[in-house]
Amino acid sequence: MSGLSADPMFWYAVSLVIFLCLAFRFGRKPILKWLDGEIAKVNNELEQARKLRSEAEATLLDYKAKQKAALADAETIMIHAKDEATRLRVQAEVDLKNALARREQQAIERIRRAETEALAEVRSVAVDLAIKMARQALSEQMDNATATRLVDQAIAELPKLAAAKTKTAA
C-alpha cells in the first residue's frame, strides 16, 4: 500500500470520493430543493401560459363571434340600403312623372289662355276694323236723313237691349 500512498492521483481520487460523499450528504437537500423550486417555477409558468392560451382562445372566439355579428349587421344594413335606394328611385320616378305631368298641364293651360287671349285680341281687332270700315262705308254712302233715322232707331232699341242684358246676367 505504500506505492499507492505515494501516488498523487490516488489522493486526488480519494479526495474526490470524499468530496462527492460530503456533497451528496450535505448538498443533496439544497440542490433538490433548488431543483424542485425551478420545477415549480417552470410548472407555474406553464400553467400561466395555459391560462393565457385559454384566455386568448376565448377572446379569439369572442372576436370571431363579434366579427360574424358585425358582418351580419353590415349585410343587413346593405340589404336595407339597397331596398331604400330602390324605394327612393321608384319614388323619385313617380315624383318626376307627377312633376312632368303638372308642368305639362300648366303648359297646356298657358297655351290655352294664350290662344284665348289671342282669339280675343283678333276678335277685338276684327271688330275694330269692321267698325272702322262700317263707319267709312256708312259715311261715304249715307246722307244726313238716313243717319238721323238710324240714330233714332238705335235709341229706340236701347231699352230692349238693356232688358235683354239683365235677363242674360241673371
C-alpha atoms as a PDB file:
ATOM      1  CA  MET A   1       0.000   0.000   0.000  1.00  0.00           C
ATOM      2  CA  SER A   2       2.855   2.240   0.245  1.00  0.00           C
ATOM      3  CA  GLY A   3       3.015   2.501  -3.538  1.00  0.00           C
ATOM      4  CA  LEU A   4      -0.449   3.836  -3.693  1.00  0.00           C
ATOM      5  CA  SER A   5       0.009   6.333  -0.920  1.00  0.00           C
ATOM      6  CA  ALA A   6       2.871   7.980  -2.791  1.00  0.00           C
ATOM      7  CA  ASP A   7       0.833   8.374  -5.993  1.00  0.00           C
ATOM      8  CA  PRO A   8      -0.801  11.824  -6.136  1.00  0.00           C
ATOM      9  CA  MET A   9      -3.581  10.524  -8.422  1.00  0.00           C
ATOM     10  CA  PHE A  10      -4.674   8.173  -5.660  1.00  0.00           C
ATOM     11  CA  TRP A  11      -5.077  11.072  -3.270  1.00  0.00           C
ATOM     12  CA  TYR A  12      -6.937  13.078  -5.907  1.00  0.00           C
ATOM     13  CA  ALA A  13      -9.320  10.158  -6.341  1.00  0.00           C
ATOM     14  CA  VAL A  14      -9.791   9.728  -2.577  1.00  0.00           C
ATOM     15  CA  SER A  15     -10.392  13.434  -2.090  1.00  0.00           C
ATOM     16  CA  LEU A  16     -12.868  13.387  -4.974  1.00  0.00           C
ATOM     17  CA  VAL A  17     -14.779  10.482  -3.425  1.00  0.00           C
ATOM     18  CA  ILE A  18     -14.830  12.203  -0.029  1.00  0.00           C
ATOM     19  CA  PHE A  19     -15.982  15.468  -1.661  1.00  0.00           C
ATOM     20  CA  LEU A  20     -18.726  13.686  -3.549  1.00  0.00           C
ATOM     21  CA  CYS A  21     -19.870  11.875  -0.387  1.00  0.00           C
ATOM     22  CA  LEU A  22     -19.945  15.110   1.599  1.00  0.00           C
ATOM     23  CA  ALA A  23     -21.605  16.964  -1.287  1.00  0.00           C
ATOM     24  CA  PHE A  24     -24.201  14.201  -1.566  1.00  0.00           C
ATOM     25  CA  ARG A  25     -24.800  14.118   2.188  1.00  0.00           C
ATOM     26  CA  PHE A  26     -24.992  17.893   2.790  1.00  0.00           C
ATOM     27  CA  GLY A  27     -25.705  19.285  -0.664  1.00  0.00           C
ATOM     28  CA  ARG A  28     -28.399  16.851  -1.745  1.00  0.00           C
ATOM     29  CA  LYS A  29     -31.295  18.570   0.075  1.00  0.00           C
ATOM     30  CA  PRO A  30     -30.428  22.156  -1.002  1.00  0.00           C
ATOM     31  CA  ILE A  31     -29.802  21.041  -4.579  1.00  0.00           C
ATOM     32  CA  LEU A  32     -33.021  19.025  -4.661  1.00  0.00           C
ATOM     33  CA  LYS A  33     -34.855  21.929  -3.045  1.00  0.00           C
ATOM     34  CA  TRP A  34     -33.416  24.296  -5.654  1.00  0.00           C
ATOM     35  CA  LEU A  35     -34.333  21.875  -8.466  1.00  0.00           C
ATOM     36  CA  ASP A  36     -37.839  21.472  -7.025  1.00  0.00           C
ATOM     37  CA  GLY A  37     -38.153  25.269  -6.905  1.00  0.00           C
ATOM     38  CA  GLU A  38     -37.066  25.513 -10.545  1.00  0.00           C
ATOM     39  CA  ILE A  39     -39.515  22.740 -11.485  1.00  0.00           C
ATOM     40  CA  ALA A  40     -42.278  24.594  -9.596  1.00  0.00           C
ATOM     41  CA  LYS A  41     -41.383  27.837 -11.416  1.00  0.00           C
ATOM     42  CA  VAL A  42     -41.473  26.061 -14.773  1.00  0.00           C
ATOM     43  CA  ASN A  43     -44.807  24.399 -13.861  1.00  0.00           C
ATOM     44  CA  ASN A  44     -46.175  27.758 -12.717  1.00  0.00           C
ATOM     45  CA  GLU A  45     -45.073  29.399 -15.954  1.00  0.00           C
ATOM     46  CA  LEU A  46     -46.601  26.524 -17.960  1.00  0.00           C
ATOM     47  CA  GLU A  47     -49.859  26.896 -16.032  1.00  0.00           C
ATOM     48  CA  GLN A  48     -49.864  30.656 -16.666  1.00  0.00           C
ATOM     49  CA  ALA A  49     -49.135  30.004 -20.333  1.00  0.00           C
ATOM     50  CA  ARG A  50     -52.075  27.551 -20.469  1.00  0.00           C
ATOM     51  CA  LYS A  51     -54.338  30.107 -18.798  1.00  0.00           C
ATOM     52  CA  LEU A  52     -53.172  32.826 -21.185  1.00  0.00           C
ATOM     53  CA  ARG A  53     -53.685  30.498 -24.113  1.00  0.00           C
ATOM     54  CA  SER A  54     -57.217  29.587 -22.986  1.00  0.00           C
ATOM     55  CA  GLU A  55     -57.998  33.270 -22.424  1.00  0.00           C
ATOM     56  CA  ALA A  56     -56.587  34.115 -25.845  1.00  0.00           C
ATOM     57  CA  GLU A  57     -58.657  31.350 -27.445  1.00  0.00           C
ATOM     58  CA  ALA A  58     -61.769  32.576 -25.623  1.00  0.00           C
ATOM     59  CA  THR A  59     -61.030  36.136 -26.729  1.00  0.00           C
ATOM     60  CA  LEU A  60     -60.425  34.936 -30.276  1.00  0.00           C
ATOM     61  CA  LEU A  61     -63.751  33.072 -30.281  1.00  0.00           C
ATOM     62  CA  ASP A  62     -65.458  36.141 -28.846  1.00  0.00           C
ATOM     63  CA  TYR A  63     -63.992  38.388 -31.515  1.00  0.00           C
ATOM     64  CA  LYS A  64     -64.865  35.882 -34.229  1.00  0.00           C
ATOM     65  CA  ALA A  65     -68.450  35.870 -32.966  1.00  0.00           C
ATOM     66  CA  LYS A  66     -68.439  39.668 -32.873  1.00  0.00           C
ATOM     67  CA  GLN A  67     -66.994  39.732 -36.399  1.00  0.00           C
ATOM     68  CA  LYS A  68     -69.731  37.386 -37.632  1.00  0.00           C
ATOM     69  CA  ALA A  69     -72.348  39.546 -35.938  1.00  0.00           C
ATOM     70  CA  ALA A  70     -70.805  42.684 -37.450  1.00  0.00           C
ATOM     71  CA  LEU A  71     -70.744  41.073 -40.895  1.00  0.00           C
ATOM     72  CA  ALA A  72     -74.377  40.029 -40.474  1.00  0.00           C
ATOM     73  CA  ASP A  73     -75.260  43.580 -39.384  1.00  0.00           C
ATOM     74  CA  ALA A  74     -73.342  45.002 -42.319  1.00  0.00           C
ATOM     75  CA  GLU A  75     -75.152  42.641 -44.677  1.00  0.00           C
ATOM     76  CA  THR A  76     -78.495  43.656 -43.163  1.00  0.00           C
ATOM     77  CA  ILE A  77     -77.571  47.320 -43.497  1.00  0.00           C
ATOM     78  CA  MET A  78     -76.516  46.800 -47.119  1.00  0.00           C
ATOM     79  CA  ILE A  79     -79.767  44.996 -47.929  1.00  0.00           C
ATOM     80  CA  HIS A  80     -81.750  47.732 -46.192  1.00  0.00           C
ATOM     81  CA  ALA A  81     -79.755  50.405 -48.048  1.00  0.00           C
ATOM     82  CA  LYS A  82     -80.384  48.677 -51.386  1.00  0.00           C
ATOM     83  CA  ASP A  83     -84.103  48.413 -50.601  1.00  0.00           C
ATOM     84  CA  GLU A  84     -84.175  52.044 -49.515  1.00  0.00           C
ATOM     85  CA  ALA A  85     -82.306  53.105 -52.669  1.00  0.00           C
ATOM     86  CA  THR A  86     -84.757  51.149 -54.820  1.00  0.00           C
ATOM     87  CA  ARG A  87     -87.704  52.673 -52.962  1.00  0.00           C
ATOM     88  CA  LEU A  88     -86.232  56.173 -53.298  1.00  0.00           C
ATOM     89  CA  ARG A  89     -85.543  55.621 -57.007  1.00  0.00           C
ATOM     90  CA  VAL A  90     -89.121  54.468 -57.589  1.00  0.00           C
ATOM     91  CA  GLN A  91     -90.446  57.400 -55.530  1.00  0.00           C
ATOM     92  CA  ALA A  92     -88.228  59.797 -57.481  1.00  0.00           C
ATOM     93  CA  GLU A  93     -89.509  58.374 -60.768  1.00  0.00           C
ATOM     94  CA  VAL A  94     -93.113  58.771 -59.598  1.00  0.00           C
ATOM     95  CA  ASP A  95     -92.410  62.308 -58.366  1.00  0.00           C
ATOM     96  CA  LEU A  96     -90.693  63.142 -61.660  1.00  0.00           C
ATOM     97  CA  LYS A  97     -93.636  61.788 -63.653  1.00  0.00           C
ATOM     98  CA  ASN A  98     -96.066  63.767 -61.486  1.00  0.00           C
ATOM     99  CA  ALA A  99     -93.962  66.925 -61.802  1.00  0.00           C
ATOM    100  CA  LEU A 100     -93.721  66.486 -65.568  1.00  0.00           C
ATOM    101  CA  ALA A 101     -97.479  65.920 -65.764  1.00  0.00           C
ATOM    102  CA  ARG A 102     -98.094  69.067 -63.688  1.00  0.00           C
ATOM    103  CA  ARG A 103     -95.678  71.069 -65.842  1.00  0.00           C
ATOM    104  CA  GLU A 104     -97.300  69.719 -68.978  1.00  0.00           C
ATOM    105  CA  GLN A 105    -100.756  70.597 -67.621  1.00  0.00           C
ATOM    106  CA  GLN A 106     -99.529  74.082 -66.708  1.00  0.00           C
ATOM    107  CA  ALA A 107     -98.024  74.498 -70.170  1.00  0.00           C
ATOM    108  CA  ILE A 108    -101.272  73.341 -71.776  1.00  0.00           C
ATOM    109  CA  GLU A 109    -103.210  75.765 -69.568  1.00  0.00           C
ATOM    110  CA  ARG A 110    -100.857  78.630 -70.531  1.00  0.00           C
ATOM    111  CA  ILE A 111    -101.188  77.730 -74.204  1.00  0.00           C
ATOM    112  CA  ARG A 112    -104.993  77.615 -73.876  1.00  0.00           C
ATOM    113  CA  ARG A 113    -105.010  81.027 -72.140  1.00  0.00           C
ATOM    114  CA  ALA A 114    -102.680  82.426 -74.773  1.00  0.00           C
ATOM    115  CA  GLU A 115    -104.955  81.053 -77.506  1.00  0.00           C
ATOM    116  CA  THR A 116    -107.998  82.554 -75.782  1.00  0.00           C
ATOM    117  CA  GLU A 117    -106.246  85.903 -75.396  1.00  0.00           C
ATOM    118  CA  ALA A 118    -105.046  85.763 -78.992  1.00  0.00           C
ATOM    119  CA  LEU A 119    -108.568  84.965 -80.209  1.00  0.00           C
ATOM    120  CA  ALA A 120    -109.990  87.779 -78.089  1.00  0.00           C
ATOM    121  CA  GLU A 121    -107.372  90.144 -79.450  1.00  0.00           C
ATOM    122  CA  VAL A 122    -108.019  89.031 -83.030  1.00  0.00           C
ATOM    123  CA  ARG A 123    -111.766  89.449 -82.478  1.00  0.00           C
ATOM    124  CA  SER A 124    -111.213  92.849 -80.932  1.00  0.00           C
ATOM    125  CA  VAL A 125    -109.033  93.919 -83.846  1.00  0.00           C
ATOM    126  CA  ALA A 126    -111.573  92.432 -86.289  1.00  0.00           C
ATOM    127  CA  VAL A 127    -114.450  94.233 -84.554  1.00  0.00           C
ATOM    128  CA  ASP A 128    -112.498  97.497 -84.503  1.00  0.00           C
ATOM    129  CA  LEU A 129    -111.624  97.054 -88.150  1.00  0.00           C
ATOM    130  CA  ALA A 130    -115.230  96.168 -89.035  1.00  0.00           C
ATOM    131  CA  ILE A 131    -116.495  99.207 -87.118  1.00  0.00           C
ATOM    132  CA  LYS A 132    -113.970 101.417 -88.839  1.00  0.00           C
ATOM    133  CA  MET A 133    -114.871 100.005 -92.249  1.00  0.00           C
ATOM    134  CA  ALA A 134    -118.583 100.276 -91.476  1.00  0.00           C
ATOM    135  CA  ARG A 135    -118.170 103.911 -90.428  1.00  0.00           C
ATOM    136  CA  GLN A 136    -116.198 104.597 -93.505  1.00  0.00           C
ATOM    137  CA  ALA A 137    -118.742 102.825 -95.701  1.00  0.00           C
ATOM    138  CA  LEU A 138    -121.629 104.483 -93.938  1.00  0.00           C
ATOM    139  CA  SER A 139    -120.056 107.897 -94.076  1.00  0.00           C
ATOM    140  CA  GLU A 140    -119.429 107.504 -97.763  1.00  0.00           C
ATOM    141  CA  GLN A 141    -122.852 106.113 -98.610  1.00  0.00           C
ATOM    142  CA  MET A 142    -125.170 107.682 -96.093  1.00  0.00           C
ATOM    143  CA  ASP A 143    -126.769 111.041 -96.199  1.00  0.00           C
ATOM    144  CA  ASN A 144    -127.944 113.043 -93.204  1.00  0.00           C
ATOM    145  CA  ALA A 145    -131.547 111.874 -93.298  1.00  0.00           C
ATOM    146  CA  THR A 146    -130.593 108.215 -93.239  1.00  0.00           C
ATOM    147  CA  ALA A 147    -128.085 108.789 -90.445  1.00  0.00           C
ATOM    148  CA  THR A 148    -130.683 110.559 -88.332  1.00  0.00           C
ATOM    149  CA  ARG A 149    -133.174 107.790 -88.915  1.00  0.00           C
ATOM    150  CA  LEU A 150    -130.600 105.091 -87.873  1.00  0.00           C
ATOM    151  CA  VAL A 151    -129.644 107.020 -84.719  1.00  0.00           C
ATOM    152  CA  ASP A 152    -133.323 107.321 -83.749  1.00  0.00           C
ATOM    153  CA  GLN A 153    -133.846 103.646 -84.356  1.00  0.00           C
ATOM    154  CA  ALA A 154    -130.758 102.747 -82.205  1.00  0.00           C
ATOM    155  CA  ILE A 155    -132.049 104.978 -79.384  1.00  0.00           C
ATOM    156  CA  ALA A 156    -135.405 103.237 -79.531  1.00  0.00           C
ATOM    157  CA  GLU A 157    -133.723  99.824 -79.283  1.00  0.00           C
ATOM    158  CA  LEU A 158    -131.669 100.725 -76.142  1.00  0.00           C
ATOM    159  CA  PRO A 159    -134.375  99.795 -73.567  1.00  0.00           C
ATOM    160  CA  LYS A 160    -134.850  96.392 -75.216  1.00  0.00           C
ATOM    161  CA  LEU A 161    -131.071  95.743 -75.183  1.00  0.00           C
ATOM    162  CA  ALA A 162    -130.841  96.746 -71.538  1.00  0.00           C
ATOM    163  CA  ALA A 163    -133.665  94.358 -70.585  1.00  0.00           C
ATOM    164  CA  ALA A 164    -132.083  91.504 -72.585  1.00  0.00           C
ATOM    165  CA  LYS A 165    -128.724  92.153 -70.887  1.00  0.00           C
ATOM    166  CA  THR A 166    -130.287  91.962 -67.403  1.00  0.00           C
ATOM    167  CA  LYS A 167    -132.023  88.669 -68.258  1.00  0.00           C
ATOM    168  CA  THR A 168    -128.726  87.210 -69.505  1.00  0.00           C
ATOM    169  CA  ALA A 169    -126.816  88.379 -66.400  1.00  0.00           C
ATOM    170  CA  ALA A 170    -129.406  86.829 -64.064  1.00  0.00           C
END
